[in-house]
Amino acid sequence: MLLRQEFSWPRGPRELCAKQVASGDIILNMTQEARELLQKALALPENERAELAGNLISSLDATVDQDVDAAWQQEVVRRLHEVQSGKVETVSWEEVQQKGRTLLHGK
């Protein structure tokens, strides 16, 4: 679907989604109403899209596995302590994008 000759690396998730919506690649199984709703949602400011996305994802699985939730909470705390202590360093989004481009295109 997305692997085309004219594919260019998106500047962010919104650009990729907008290209997909415009070409119809990701909306094959959606009703007209859902397609229209998606297009309206993509036009929202980033913070509102994030809030909407979080609520939609949360609505998919109402059952919370307490063991999994507790394990993720411990993992988040562990990673935060590693960053705060200097044991690990963060990587900028620009560096992540460049590494992705290099892996995809060998540049």
Protein backbone atom coordinates (compact mmCIF):
# COMPACT_ATOMS: atom_id res chain seq x y z
CA MET A 1 0.00 0.00 0.00
CA LEU A 2 2.47 2.66 1.12
CA LEU A 3 5.54 1.33 -0.61
CA ARG A 4 5.50 3.35 -3.79
CA GLN A 5 8.19 4.92 -5.88
CA GLU A 6 7.06 8.43 -4.96
CA PHE A 7 7.09 7.71 -1.22
CA SER A 8 8.94 10.38 0.72
CA TRP A 9 9.79 10.32 4.38
CA PRO A 10 7.02 12.11 6.30
CA ARG A 11 7.86 14.99 8.59
CA GLY A 12 5.59 13.47 11.19
CA PRO A 13 2.63 11.15 11.74
CA ARG A 14 0.12 13.76 10.59
CA GLU A 15 1.77 14.12 7.18
CA LEU A 16 1.84 10.35 6.69
CA CYS A 17 -1.82 10.05 7.70
CA ALA A 18 -2.82 12.93 5.46
CA LYS A 19 -1.09 11.32 2.48
CA GLN A 20 -2.74 8.01 3.24
CA VAL A 21 -6.18 9.55 3.62
CA ALA A 22 -5.79 11.55 0.42
CA SER A 23 -4.82 8.44 -1.52
CA GLY A 24 -7.42 6.25 0.21
CA ASP A 25 -4.85 3.69 1.33
CA ILE A 26 -5.88 3.34 4.96
CA ILE A 27 -9.62 3.75 4.72
CA LEU A 28 -10.61 0.73 2.69
CA ASN A 29 -12.80 -0.78 5.41
CA MET A 30 -14.34 2.46 6.65
CA THR A 31 -17.82 3.75 6.04
CA GLN A 32 -18.27 7.14 4.41
CA GLU A 33 -19.18 8.54 7.83
CA ALA A 34 -15.95 7.19 9.34
CA ARG A 35 -13.86 8.58 6.46
CA GLU A 36 -15.41 12.02 6.93
CA LEU A 37 -14.85 11.83 10.68
CA LEU A 38 -11.21 10.87 10.14
CA GLN A 39 -10.64 13.79 7.79
CA LYS A 40 -12.17 16.17 10.33
CA ALA A 41 -10.05 14.66 13.12
CA LEU A 42 -6.85 15.07 11.10
CA ALA A 43 -7.63 18.78 10.74
CA LEU A 44 -7.67 19.27 14.53
CA PRO A 45 -4.69 20.80 16.36
CA GLU A 46 -2.08 18.27 17.46
CA ASN A 47 -3.02 18.32 21.16
CA GLU A 48 -6.68 17.66 20.35
CA ARG A 49 -5.76 14.83 17.95
CA ALA A 50 -3.62 13.26 20.66
CA GLU A 51 -6.44 13.47 23.20
CA LEU A 52 -8.92 12.04 20.69
CA ALA A 53 -6.56 9.22 19.72
CA GLY A 54 -5.97 8.31 23.36
CA ASN A 55 -9.69 8.17 24.04
CA LEU A 56 -10.34 6.04 20.96
CA ILE A 57 -7.59 3.59 21.87
CA SER A 58 -8.84 3.39 25.44
CA SER A 59 -12.32 2.58 24.19
CA LEU A 60 -11.07 -0.53 22.35
CA ASP A 61 -10.12 -2.47 25.45
CA ALA A 62 -12.15 -1.73 28.54
CA THR A 63 -10.55 -4.64 30.42
CA VAL A 64 -7.36 -3.66 32.23
CA ASP A 65 -4.99 -6.44 33.21
CA GLN A 66 -3.74 -5.19 36.59
CA ASP A 67 -0.52 -7.23 36.34
CA VAL A 68 0.34 -5.79 32.94
CA ASP A 69 -0.57 -2.29 34.06
CA ALA A 70 1.63 -2.62 37.16
CA ALA A 71 4.51 -4.00 35.08
CA TRP A 72 4.31 -1.03 32.69
CA GLN A 73 4.23 1.40 35.60
CA GLN A 74 7.41 -0.19 36.99
CA GLU A 75 9.04 -0.01 33.55
CA VAL A 76 8.18 3.67 33.18
CA VAL A 77 9.66 4.43 36.60
CA ARG A 78 12.80 2.39 35.81
CA ARG A 79 13.35 4.22 32.52
CA LEU A 80 12.75 7.60 34.13
CA HIS A 81 15.34 6.85 36.82
CA GLU A 82 17.84 5.76 34.15
CA VAL A 83 17.44 9.07 32.32
CA GLN A 84 17.51 11.17 35.48
CA SER A 85 20.62 9.39 36.80
CA GLY A 86 22.49 9.84 33.53
CA LYS A 87 22.76 6.08 32.97
CA VAL A 88 21.09 6.57 29.59
CA GLU A 89 20.74 9.59 27.36
CA THR A 90 17.74 10.66 25.35
CA VAL A 91 17.87 10.94 21.58
CA SER A 92 16.29 13.82 19.69
CA TRP A 93 13.45 13.19 17.25
CA GLU A 94 15.66 14.52 14.46
CA GLU A 95 18.29 11.86 15.24
CA VAL A 96 15.64 9.14 15.28
CA GLN A 97 14.33 10.31 11.89
CA GLN A 98 17.82 10.38 10.41
CA LYS A 99 18.56 6.88 11.66
CA GLY A 100 15.26 5.69 10.16
CA ARG A 101 16.11 7.28 6.81
CA THR A 102 19.53 5.65 6.88
CA LEU A 103 18.06 2.25 7.65
CA LEU A 104 15.40 2.59 4.94
CA HIS A 105 17.44 4.21 2.21
CA GLY A 106 21.03 3.35 3.11
CA LYS A 107 21.98 7.04 3.17
